[in-house]
Amino acid sequence: MQHSFGDIGLEFDRFIDKNAKGQKYFQGPFGISIGYDRRIYIADDLSHKIFIFDTSHDLLKTVGQKGKGGGEFAWVDAVVIDKEGNLYVADTGNDRIQILDGQGNSLKQFGGRGTKPGRFKNPRGIALDSHNNIYVADWGNHRVQVFDQQGRFLRQFGGFGSSPGQLHNPICIFLDQNDQIFVCDFKNHRIQIFDSSGKFIDTFGAFGTSAGEFRYPSGLTQDPSGHIYVADYENHRIQIFSKQREFLGALGHLGDKAGEFHKPTSVAANDQGTLYVVDKGNNRVQVFSAQIARKGDVN
């Protein structure tokens, strides 16, 4: 199946959904991240686990189970990996961030429920900058909080509202190679962009079903050429934009066939431009290989 839009060609490659015996992996996949070694890490909300796949998309292991102890989760929504292979996990239901080693052993945890700096109300997105500072989309407090590698609070930005720089249930956070911050402002139906200090830069998107409009954007990534992919949750599609945020096209609609989605929640791209989409409503991840034309707008 070939999907083309603008300067981008995507070709459906495979589903990640079950093993060779036909046993299904997931109960409620939500977040996804690609490690520096190209391993795929998938946060499963309902099974309270992180699934780790190798570059051939074979399951290596799972990390976690339901609970409140170290290495245990409650409705885990997001995970990101550092260069050493450590996992930084948004342990959503436990209102905390956990840091695990590559084997799933607990290294550190911080947070707890509350509104003060360093506390969370259902953290749902997590990202690292080039210095390994930790950025958390603090859903219920309508803000982004920033911590150092040790979990010490550094700063916050956002606050409830719909004006530029304000947030209404931020659900995902992504940092580009220049540490520019993209936030999926879920209930404002837009993407907001901030500099590394948290100063507002720009926004794009609005509520709707037309090109460039969103109904609850829930995930964002960039490919190696700078194309921006947004998981458009209730429009059951992935929208694609240039580095300058110009709309290029959309992939998918409601359905259960290859290239169709039911409430996609997260997207990730590896260093070869392979795109991974968490197709939550269909309990699977879809993989697309990419042939990217590098034209002036993405140089």
C-alpha atoms as a PDB file:
ATOM      1  CA  MET A   1       0.000   0.000   0.000  1.00  0.00           C
ATOM      2  CA  GLN A   2       1.507   3.358  -1.001  1.00  0.00           C
ATOM      3  CA  HIS A   3       0.443   6.628   0.568  1.00  0.00           C
ATOM      4  CA  SER A   4       1.916   9.793  -0.881  1.00  0.00           C
ATOM      5  CA  PHE A   5       1.428  13.392   0.182  1.00  0.00           C
ATOM      6  CA  GLY A   6       3.464  16.427  -0.762  1.00  0.00           C
ATOM      7  CA  ASP A   7       7.138  15.560  -0.735  1.00  0.00           C
ATOM      8  CA  ILE A   8       6.669  12.392   1.323  1.00  0.00           C
ATOM      9  CA  GLY A   9       5.968   8.796   0.306  1.00  0.00           C
ATOM     10  CA  LEU A  10       4.950   6.311   2.977  1.00  0.00           C
ATOM     11  CA  GLU A  11       4.547   2.636   2.312  1.00  0.00           C
ATOM     12  CA  PHE A  12       2.849   0.321   4.784  1.00  0.00           C
ATOM     13  CA  ASP A  13       5.318  -2.242   6.064  1.00  0.00           C
ATOM     14  CA  ARG A  14       3.751  -4.275   8.857  1.00  0.00           C
ATOM     15  CA  PHE A  15       1.685  -4.467  12.006  1.00  0.00           C
ATOM     16  CA  ILE A  16       3.216  -4.996  15.417  1.00  0.00           C
ATOM     17  CA  ASP A  17       0.376  -6.684  17.248  1.00  0.00           C
ATOM     18  CA  LYS A  18       0.968 -10.391  17.897  1.00  0.00           C
ATOM     19  CA  ASN A  19       3.660 -13.048  18.040  1.00  0.00           C
ATOM     20  CA  ALA A  20       4.273 -15.983  15.686  1.00  0.00           C
ATOM     21  CA  LYS A  21       1.687 -18.039  17.592  1.00  0.00           C
ATOM     22  CA  GLY A  22      -0.960 -15.401  17.017  1.00  0.00           C
ATOM     23  CA  GLN A  23      -1.006 -14.252  20.642  1.00  0.00           C
ATOM     24  CA  LYS A  24      -1.751 -10.551  20.952  1.00  0.00           C
ATOM     25  CA  TYR A  25       0.797  -8.344  22.672  1.00  0.00           C
ATOM     26  CA  PHE A  26      -1.215  -5.335  23.776  1.00  0.00           C
ATOM     27  CA  GLN A  27      -4.265  -4.403  25.810  1.00  0.00           C
ATOM     28  CA  GLY A  28      -4.070  -0.651  25.354  1.00  0.00           C
ATOM     29  CA  PRO A  29      -0.926   0.664  23.647  1.00  0.00           C
ATOM     30  CA  PHE A  30      -0.485   4.391  24.116  1.00  0.00           C
ATOM     31  CA  GLY A  31       3.056   5.806  23.891  1.00  0.00           C
ATOM     32  CA  ILE A  32       6.060   4.904  21.760  1.00  0.00           C
ATOM     33  CA  SER A  33       9.735   5.795  21.627  1.00  0.00           C
ATOM     34  CA  ILE A  34      12.714   4.697  19.543  1.00  0.00           C
ATOM     35  CA  GLY A  35      16.014   4.103  21.326  1.00  0.00           C
ATOM     36  CA  TYR A  36      19.417   5.149  20.018  1.00  0.00           C
ATOM     37  CA  ASP A  37      19.914   1.469  19.137  1.00  0.00           C
ATOM     38  CA  ARG A  38      16.634   1.575  17.116  1.00  0.00           C
ATOM     39  CA  ARG A  39      14.836  -0.664  19.577  1.00  0.00           C
ATOM     40  CA  ILE A  40      11.137   0.137  19.874  1.00  0.00           C
ATOM     41  CA  TYR A  41       9.609   0.858  23.288  1.00  0.00           C
ATOM     42  CA  ILE A  42       5.828   0.799  23.610  1.00  0.00           C
ATOM     43  CA  ALA A  43       3.969   1.913  26.735  1.00  0.00           C
ATOM     44  CA  ASP A  44       0.805  -0.139  27.224  1.00  0.00           C
ATOM     45  CA  ASP A  45      -1.681   1.785  29.321  1.00  0.00           C
ATOM     46  CA  LEU A  46      -3.963  -1.085  30.329  1.00  0.00           C
ATOM     47  CA  SER A  47      -1.423  -3.849  30.942  1.00  0.00           C
ATOM     48  CA  HIS A  48       0.848  -1.451  32.907  1.00  0.00           C
ATOM     49  CA  LYS A  49       3.915  -2.586  30.952  1.00  0.00           C
ATOM     50  CA  ILE A  50       6.603  -1.383  28.573  1.00  0.00           C
ATOM     51  CA  PHE A  51       7.096  -3.686  25.576  1.00  0.00           C
ATOM     52  CA  ILE A  52      10.585  -3.678  24.047  1.00  0.00           C
ATOM     53  CA  PHE A  53      11.107  -4.880  20.459  1.00  0.00           C
ATOM     54  CA  ASP A  54      14.320  -5.335  18.499  1.00  0.00           C
ATOM     55  CA  THR A  55      15.030  -3.861  15.075  1.00  0.00           C
ATOM     56  CA  SER A  56      13.383  -6.888  13.426  1.00  0.00           C
ATOM     57  CA  HIS A  57      10.216  -6.083  15.426  1.00  0.00           C
ATOM     58  CA  ASP A  58      10.522  -9.232  17.533  1.00  0.00           C
ATOM     59  CA  LEU A  59       9.601  -8.916  21.199  1.00  0.00           C
ATOM     60  CA  LEU A  60      12.675  -8.896  23.446  1.00  0.00           C
ATOM     61  CA  LYS A  61      11.016  -8.441  26.831  1.00  0.00           C
ATOM     62  CA  THR A  62       8.479  -6.521  28.850  1.00  0.00           C
ATOM     63  CA  VAL A  63       9.178  -4.267  31.813  1.00  0.00           C
ATOM     64  CA  GLY A  64       6.823  -3.585  34.695  1.00  0.00           C
ATOM     65  CA  GLN A  65       3.521  -4.710  36.119  1.00  0.00           C
ATOM     66  CA  LYS A  66       0.639  -3.054  37.940  1.00  0.00           C
ATOM     67  CA  GLY A  67       1.623  -1.642  41.293  1.00  0.00           C
ATOM     68  CA  LYS A  68       3.116   1.234  43.255  1.00  0.00           C
ATOM     69  CA  GLY A  69       6.622  -0.086  43.894  1.00  0.00           C
ATOM     70  CA  GLY A  70       9.794   0.651  41.990  1.00  0.00           C
ATOM     71  CA  GLY A  71       9.516  -0.661  38.444  1.00  0.00           C
ATOM     72  CA  GLU A  72       5.727  -0.995  38.765  1.00  0.00           C
ATOM     73  CA  PHE A  73       3.220   1.203  36.983  1.00  0.00           C
ATOM     74  CA  ALA A  74      -0.378   2.348  36.913  1.00  0.00           C
ATOM     75  CA  TRP A  75      -1.625   3.277  33.436  1.00  0.00           C
ATOM     76  CA  VAL A  76       1.742   4.025  31.927  1.00  0.00           C
ATOM     77  CA  ASP A  77       1.323   6.495  29.061  1.00  0.00           C
ATOM     78  CA  ALA A  78       4.802   7.436  27.820  1.00  0.00           C
ATOM     79  CA  VAL A  79       8.442   6.388  27.807  1.00  0.00           C
ATOM     80  CA  VAL A  80      11.645   7.914  26.432  1.00  0.00           C
ATOM     81  CA  ILE A  81      15.165   6.475  26.279  1.00  0.00           C
ATOM     82  CA  ASP A  82      18.521   8.138  26.935  1.00  0.00           C
ATOM     83  CA  LYS A  83      21.839   7.371  25.229  1.00  0.00           C
ATOM     84  CA  GLU A  84      22.783   4.896  27.973  1.00  0.00           C
ATOM     85  CA  GLY A  85      19.590   2.914  27.427  1.00  0.00           C
ATOM     86  CA  ASN A  86      17.826   4.051  30.600  1.00  0.00           C
ATOM     87  CA  LEU A  87      14.048   4.391  30.491  1.00  0.00           C
ATOM     88  CA  TYR A  88      12.223   7.525  31.680  1.00  0.00           C
ATOM     89  CA  VAL A  89       8.597   6.629  32.265  1.00  0.00           C
ATOM     90  CA  ALA A  90       5.463   8.724  32.760  1.00  0.00           C
ATOM     91  CA  ASP A  91       3.803   6.550  35.411  1.00  0.00           C
ATOM     92  CA  THR A  92       0.488   8.271  34.892  1.00  0.00           C
ATOM     93  CA  GLY A  93      -1.767   6.655  37.478  1.00  0.00           C
ATOM     94  CA  ASN A  94       0.888   6.846  40.185  1.00  0.00           C
ATOM     95  CA  ASP A  95       1.485  10.559  39.484  1.00  0.00           C
ATOM     96  CA  ARG A  96       5.233  10.136  39.206  1.00  0.00           C
ATOM     97  CA  ILE A  97       8.183   9.786  36.891  1.00  0.00           C
ATOM     98  CA  GLN A  98      10.279   6.642  37.121  1.00  0.00           C
ATOM     99  CA  ILE A  99      13.798   6.129  35.781  1.00  0.00           C
ATOM    100  CA  LEU A 100      14.743   2.512  35.064  1.00  0.00           C
ATOM    101  CA  ASP A 101      17.835   0.850  33.685  1.00  0.00           C
ATOM    102  CA  GLY A 102      17.644  -1.192  30.498  1.00  0.00           C
ATOM    103  CA  GLN A 103      16.736  -4.308  32.469  1.00  0.00           C
ATOM    104  CA  GLY A 104      13.780  -2.610  34.136  1.00  0.00           C
ATOM    105  CA  ASN A 105      15.411  -2.066  37.531  1.00  0.00           C
ATOM    106  CA  SER A 106      14.287   1.058  39.326  1.00  0.00           C
ATOM    107  CA  LEU A 107      16.964   3.770  39.561  1.00  0.00           C
ATOM    108  CA  LYS A 108      14.930   6.743  40.727  1.00  0.00           C
ATOM    109  CA  GLN A 109      11.390   8.003  41.061  1.00  0.00           C
ATOM    110  CA  PHE A 110      10.004  11.438  41.836  1.00  0.00           C
ATOM    111  CA  GLY A 111       6.710  13.268  41.935  1.00  0.00           C
ATOM    112  CA  GLY A 112       3.511  12.434  43.789  1.00  0.00           C
ATOM    113  CA  ARG A 113       0.065  13.898  43.393  1.00  0.00           C
ATOM    114  CA  GLY A 114      -0.390  17.615  43.866  1.00  0.00           C
ATOM    115  CA  THR A 115      -0.201  21.070  42.366  1.00  0.00           C
ATOM    116  CA  LYS A 116       3.072  22.371  43.801  1.00  0.00           C
ATOM    117  CA  PRO A 117       6.245  22.381  41.685  1.00  0.00           C
ATOM    118  CA  GLY A 118       7.529  18.829  41.363  1.00  0.00           C
ATOM    119  CA  ARG A 119       4.081  17.306  41.887  1.00  0.00           C
ATOM    120  CA  PHE A 120       1.788  15.969  39.177  1.00  0.00           C
ATOM    121  CA  LYS A 121      -1.793  15.285  38.242  1.00  0.00           C
ATOM    122  CA  ASN A 122      -1.518  12.425  35.770  1.00  0.00           C
ATOM    123  CA  PRO A 123       1.742  13.063  33.879  1.00  0.00           C
ATOM    124  CA  ARG A 124       1.136  11.822  30.340  1.00  0.00           C
ATOM    125  CA  GLY A 125       4.097  12.874  28.199  1.00  0.00           C
ATOM    126  CA  ILE A 126       7.841  12.883  28.717  1.00  0.00           C
ATOM    127  CA  ALA A 127      10.917  14.002  26.750  1.00  0.00           C
ATOM    128  CA  LEU A 128      14.626  14.675  27.238  1.00  0.00           C
ATOM    129  CA  ASP A 129      16.692  17.592  25.985  1.00  0.00           C
ATOM    130  CA  SER A 130      20.310  17.473  24.822  1.00  0.00           C
ATOM    131  CA  HIS A 131      21.490  17.802  28.449  1.00  0.00           C
ATOM    132  CA  ASN A 132      19.204  14.994  29.665  1.00  0.00           C
ATOM    133  CA  ASN A 133      16.909  17.415  31.451  1.00  0.00           C
ATOM    134  CA  ILE A 134      13.464  15.878  31.802  1.00  0.00           C
ATOM    135  CA  TYR A 135      10.334  17.565  30.398  1.00  0.00           C
ATOM    136  CA  VAL A 136       6.942  16.353  31.628  1.00  0.00           C
ATOM    137  CA  ALA A 137       3.495  17.096  30.212  1.00  0.00           C
ATOM    138  CA  ASP A 138       1.548  17.506  33.468  1.00  0.00           C
ATOM    139  CA  TRP A 139      -1.962  16.796  32.180  1.00  0.00           C
ATOM    140  CA  GLY A 140      -4.155  17.742  35.128  1.00  0.00           C
ATOM    141  CA  ASN A 141      -2.101  20.779  36.121  1.00  0.00           C
ATOM    142  CA  HIS A 142      -2.121  22.140  32.551  1.00  0.00           C
ATOM    143  CA  ARG A 143       1.616  22.789  32.509  1.00  0.00           C
ATOM    144  CA  VAL A 144       5.012  21.494  31.490  1.00  0.00           C
ATOM    145  CA  GLN A 145       7.514  20.858  34.271  1.00  0.00           C
ATOM    146  CA  VAL A 146      11.268  20.592  33.759  1.00  0.00           C
ATOM    147  CA  PHE A 147      13.686  18.626  35.961  1.00  0.00           C
ATOM    148  CA  ASP A 148      17.380  17.847  35.920  1.00  0.00           C
ATOM    149  CA  GLN A 149      18.758  14.312  35.572  1.00  0.00           C
ATOM    150  CA  GLN A 150      18.377  13.756  39.314  1.00  0.00           C
ATOM    151  CA  GLY A 151      14.708  14.714  39.303  1.00  0.00           C
ATOM    152  CA  ARG A 152      15.249  18.148  40.859  1.00  0.00           C
ATOM    153  CA  PHE A 153      12.684  20.738  39.786  1.00  0.00           C
ATOM    154  CA  LEU A 154      14.055  23.467  37.492  1.00  0.00           C
ATOM    155  CA  ARG A 155      11.100  25.398  36.080  1.00  0.00           C
ATOM    156  CA  GLN A 156       7.581  25.201  34.694  1.00  0.00           C
ATOM    157  CA  PHE A 157       5.541  26.916  32.015  1.00  0.00           C
ATOM    158  CA  GLY A 158       2.003  26.883  30.700  1.00  0.00           C
ATOM    159  CA  GLY A 159      -1.000  27.221  32.984  1.00  0.00           C
ATOM    160  CA  PHE A 160      -4.677  26.649  32.273  1.00  0.00           C
ATOM    161  CA  GLY A 161      -6.213  28.596  29.410  1.00  0.00           C
ATOM    162  CA  SER A 162      -6.469  29.000  25.652  1.00  0.00           C
ATOM    163  CA  SER A 163      -4.274  32.056  25.071  1.00  0.00           C
ATOM    164  CA  PRO A 164      -0.862  31.618  23.437  1.00  0.00           C
ATOM    165  CA  GLY A 165       1.421  29.809  25.856  1.00  0.00           C
ATOM    166  CA  GLN A 166      -1.447  28.504  27.995  1.00  0.00           C
ATOM    167  CA  LEU A 167      -2.451  24.843  28.002  1.00  0.00           C
ATOM    168  CA  HIS A 168      -5.528  22.671  28.450  1.00  0.00           C
ATOM    169  CA  ASN A 169      -4.505  19.103  29.263  1.00  0.00           C
ATOM    170  CA  PRO A 170      -1.098  18.809  27.564  1.00  0.00           C
ATOM    171  CA  ILE A 171      -0.677  15.174  26.584  1.00  0.00           C
ATOM    172  CA  CYS A 172       2.586  14.869  24.678  1.00  0.00           C
ATOM    173  CA  ILE A 173       5.876  16.674  24.498  1.00  0.00           C
ATOM    174  CA  PHE A 174       8.638  16.453  21.875  1.00  0.00           C
ATOM    175  CA  LEU A 175      11.995  18.220  21.622  1.00  0.00           C
ATOM    176  CA  ASP A 176      13.748  18.661  18.296  1.00  0.00           C
ATOM    177  CA  GLN A 177      17.511  18.589  17.762  1.00  0.00           C
ATOM    178  CA  ASN A 178      17.732  22.262  18.761  1.00  0.00           C
ATOM    179  CA  ASP A 179      15.796  21.659  22.007  1.00  0.00           C
ATOM    180  CA  GLN A 180      12.785  23.480  20.638  1.00  0.00           C
ATOM    181  CA  ILE A 181       9.734  22.205  22.513  1.00  0.00           C
ATOM    182  CA  PHE A 182       6.530  20.985  20.836  1.00  0.00           C
ATOM    183  CA  VAL A 183       3.501  20.390  23.087  1.00  0.00           C
ATOM    184  CA  CYS A 184       0.282  18.633  22.075  1.00  0.00           C
ATOM    185  CA  ASP A 185      -2.277  20.960  23.646  1.00  0.00           C
ATOM    186  CA  PHE A 186      -4.971  18.287  23.661  1.00  0.00           C
ATOM    187  CA  LYS A 187      -8.203  20.097  24.526  1.00  0.00           C
ATOM    188  CA  ASN A 188      -7.189  23.315  22.759  1.00  0.00           C
ATOM    189  CA  HIS A 189      -6.789  21.226  19.579  1.00  0.00           C
ATOM    190  CA  ARG A 190      -3.443  22.719  18.657  1.00  0.00           C
ATOM    191  CA  ILE A 191       0.310  22.277  18.791  1.00  0.00           C
ATOM    192  CA  GLN A 192       2.259  24.893  20.712  1.00  0.00           C
ATOM    193  CA  ILE A 193       5.971  25.557  20.291  1.00  0.00           C
ATOM    194  CA  PHE A 194       8.281  26.964  22.975  1.00  0.00           C
ATOM    195  CA  ASP A 195      11.991  27.696  23.169  1.00  0.00           C
ATOM    196  CA  SER A 196      14.254  25.808  25.575  1.00  0.00           C
ATOM    197  CA  SER A 197      13.450  28.232  28.403  1.00  0.00           C
ATOM    198  CA  GLY A 198       9.695  27.785  27.982  1.00  0.00           C
ATOM    199  CA  LYS A 199       9.060  31.039  26.125  1.00  0.00           C
ATOM    200  CA  PHE A 200       6.175  30.797  23.659  1.00  0.00           C
ATOM    201  CA  ILE A 201       7.190  30.856  19.977  1.00  0.00           C
ATOM    202  CA  ASP A 202       4.271  29.778  17.819  1.00  0.00           C
ATOM    203  CA  THR A 203       1.169  27.626  17.522  1.00  0.00           C
ATOM    204  CA  PHE A 204      -0.562  25.776  14.714  1.00  0.00           C
ATOM    205  CA  GLY A 205      -3.855  23.956  14.373  1.00  0.00           C
ATOM    206  CA  ALA A 206      -7.424  24.545  15.526  1.00  0.00           C
ATOM    207  CA  PHE A 207     -10.498  22.423  16.180  1.00  0.00           C
ATOM    208  CA  GLY A 208     -11.934  20.811  13.065  1.00  0.00           C
ATOM    209  CA  THR A 209     -11.698  18.102  10.442  1.00  0.00           C
ATOM    210  CA  SER A 210     -10.162  20.064   7.571  1.00  0.00           C
ATOM    211  CA  ALA A 211      -6.520  19.995   6.520  1.00  0.00           C
ATOM    212  CA  GLY A 212      -4.309  21.272   9.316  1.00  0.00           C
ATOM    213  CA  GLU A 213      -7.102  21.105  11.888  1.00  0.00           C
ATOM    214  CA  PHE A 214      -7.211  18.680  14.809  1.00  0.00           C
ATOM    215  CA  ARG A 215      -9.615  16.900  17.077  1.00  0.00           C
ATOM    216  CA  TYR A 216      -7.472  16.213  20.146  1.00  0.00           C
ATOM    217  CA  PRO A 217      -3.867  15.966  18.906  1.00  0.00           C
ATOM    218  CA  SER A 218      -2.202  13.335  21.063  1.00  0.00           C
ATOM    219  CA  GLY A 219       1.293  12.642  19.696  1.00  0.00           C
ATOM    220  CA  LEU A 220       4.030  14.323  17.651  1.00  0.00           C
ATOM    221  CA  THR A 221       7.395  13.464  16.139  1.00  0.00           C
ATOM    222  CA  GLN A 222       9.821  14.617  13.455  1.00  0.00           C
ATOM    223  CA  ASP A 223      11.642  12.544  10.865  1.00  0.00           C
ATOM    224  CA  PRO A 224      15.321  13.112   9.940  1.00  0.00           C
ATOM    225  CA  SER A 225      14.348  15.735   7.352  1.00  0.00           C
ATOM    226  CA  GLY A 226      12.282  17.750   9.792  1.00  0.00           C
ATOM    227  CA  HIS A 227       8.798  16.743   8.662  1.00  0.00           C
ATOM    228  CA  ILE A 228       6.353  16.936  11.571  1.00  0.00           C
ATOM    229  CA  TYR A 229       3.875  14.095  12.124  1.00  0.00           C
ATOM    230  CA  VAL A 230       0.878  14.628  14.408  1.00  0.00           C
ATOM    231  CA  ALA A 231      -1.422  11.890  15.715  1.00  0.00           C
ATOM    232  CA  ASP A 232      -4.879  13.425  15.209  1.00  0.00           C
ATOM    233  CA  TYR A 233      -6.758  11.287  17.740  1.00  0.00           C
ATOM    234  CA  GLU A 234     -10.467  11.717  17.004  1.00  0.00           C
ATOM    235  CA  ASN A 235      -9.954  12.377  13.291  1.00  0.00           C
ATOM    236  CA  HIS A 236      -8.322   8.920  13.118  1.00  0.00           C
ATOM    237  CA  ARG A 237      -5.409  10.112  11.002  1.00  0.00           C
ATOM    238  CA  ILE A 238      -1.815  11.269  10.969  1.00  0.00           C
ATOM    239  CA  GLN A 239      -1.231  14.776   9.648  1.00  0.00           C
ATOM    240  CA  ILE A 240       2.098  15.781   8.146  1.00  0.00           C
ATOM    241  CA  PHE A 241       3.646  19.251   8.088  1.00  0.00           C
ATOM    242  CA  SER A 242       6.871  20.738   6.800  1.00  0.00           C
ATOM    243  CA  LYS A 243       9.513  22.087   9.155  1.00  0.00           C
ATOM    244  CA  GLN A 244       7.859  25.485   8.618  1.00  0.00           C
ATOM    245  CA  ARG A 245       4.520  23.972   9.775  1.00  0.00           C
ATOM    246  CA  GLU A 246       2.979  24.046   6.300  1.00  0.00           C
ATOM    247  CA  PHE A 247       0.398  21.299   5.804  1.00  0.00           C
ATOM    248  CA  LEU A 248       1.633  18.576   3.440  1.00  0.00           C
ATOM    249  CA  GLY A 249      -1.011  15.902   3.736  1.00  0.00           C
ATOM    250  CA  ALA A 250      -2.728  13.289   5.865  1.00  0.00           C
ATOM    251  CA  LEU A 251      -2.554   9.545   6.210  1.00  0.00           C
ATOM    252  CA  GLY A 252      -5.439   7.323   7.195  1.00  0.00           C
ATOM    253  CA  HIS A 253      -9.050   7.439   8.292  1.00  0.00           C
ATOM    254  CA  LEU A 254     -11.267   5.394  10.592  1.00  0.00           C
ATOM    255  CA  GLY A 255     -10.903   1.656   9.994  1.00  0.00           C
ATOM    256  CA  ASP A 256      -8.987  -1.492  10.818  1.00  0.00           C
ATOM    257  CA  LYS A 257      -7.124  -2.192   7.575  1.00  0.00           C
ATOM    258  CA  ALA A 258      -3.495  -1.330   6.830  1.00  0.00           C
ATOM    259  CA  GLY A 259      -3.130   2.453   6.760  1.00  0.00           C
ATOM    260  CA  GLU A 260      -6.393   2.947   8.649  1.00  0.00           C
ATOM    261  CA  PHE A 261      -6.597   3.950  12.298  1.00  0.00           C
ATOM    262  CA  HIS A 262      -8.870   4.007  15.315  1.00  0.00           C
ATOM    263  CA  LYS A 263      -7.784   6.774  17.679  1.00  0.00           C
ATOM    264  CA  PRO A 264      -4.018   6.905  17.064  1.00  0.00           C
ATOM    265  CA  THR A 265      -2.253   8.173  20.178  1.00  0.00           C
ATOM    266  CA  SER A 266       1.464   8.405  19.447  1.00  0.00           C
ATOM    267  CA  VAL A 267       4.020   8.510  16.629  1.00  0.00           C
ATOM    268  CA  ALA A 268       7.775   7.994  16.416  1.00  0.00           C
ATOM    269  CA  ALA A 269      10.332   7.993  13.600  1.00  0.00           C
ATOM    270  CA  ASN A 270      13.763   6.388  13.567  1.00  0.00           C
ATOM    271  CA  ASP A 271      16.928   7.751  11.969  1.00  0.00           C
ATOM    272  CA  GLN A 272      16.012   6.134   8.638  1.00  0.00           C
ATOM    273  CA  GLY A 273      12.616   7.827   8.513  1.00  0.00           C
ATOM    274  CA  THR A 274      10.617   4.689   9.354  1.00  0.00           C
ATOM    275  CA  LEU A 275       7.363   5.834  10.939  1.00  0.00           C
ATOM    276  CA  TYR A 276       5.668   4.020  13.822  1.00  0.00           C
ATOM    277  CA  VAL A 277       2.045   4.796  14.709  1.00  0.00           C
ATOM    278  CA  VAL A 278       0.341   3.597  17.888  1.00  0.00           C
ATOM    279  CA  ASP A 279      -3.121   2.613  16.643  1.00  0.00           C
ATOM    280  CA  LYS A 280      -4.659   2.414  20.114  1.00  0.00           C
ATOM    281  CA  GLY A 281      -8.243   1.579  19.199  1.00  0.00           C
ATOM    282  CA  ASN A 282      -7.071  -1.345  17.081  1.00  0.00           C
ATOM    283  CA  ASN A 283      -4.579  -2.537  19.758  1.00  0.00           C
ATOM    284  CA  ARG A 284      -1.580  -2.442  17.429  1.00  0.00           C
ATOM    285  CA  VAL A 285       1.314  -0.423  16.077  1.00  0.00           C
ATOM    286  CA  GLN A 286       1.564   0.231  12.349  1.00  0.00           C
ATOM    287  CA  VAL A 287       4.946   0.588  10.660  1.00  0.00           C
ATOM    288  CA  PHE A 288       5.539   2.606   7.484  1.00  0.00           C
ATOM    289  CA  SER A 289       8.741   2.808   5.485  1.00  0.00           C
ATOM    290  CA  ALA A 290       9.530   6.238   4.115  1.00  0.00           C
ATOM    291  CA  GLN A 291      11.031   7.593   0.933  1.00  0.00           C
ATOM    292  CA  ILE A 292      11.654  11.262   1.670  1.00  0.00           C
ATOM    293  CA  ALA A 293      12.338  13.815  -1.044  1.00  0.00           C
ATOM    294  CA  ARG A 294      14.657  16.453   0.430  1.00  0.00           C
ATOM    295  CA  LYS A 295      13.540  19.687  -1.122  1.00  0.00           C
ATOM    296  CA  GLY A 296      14.220  23.256  -0.132  1.00  0.00           C
ATOM    297  CA  ASP A 297      11.612  23.389   2.616  1.00  0.00           C
ATOM    298  CA  VAL A 298      13.230  20.568   4.591  1.00  0.00           C
ATOM    299  CA  ASN A 299      16.923  21.350   4.179  1.00  0.00           C
END
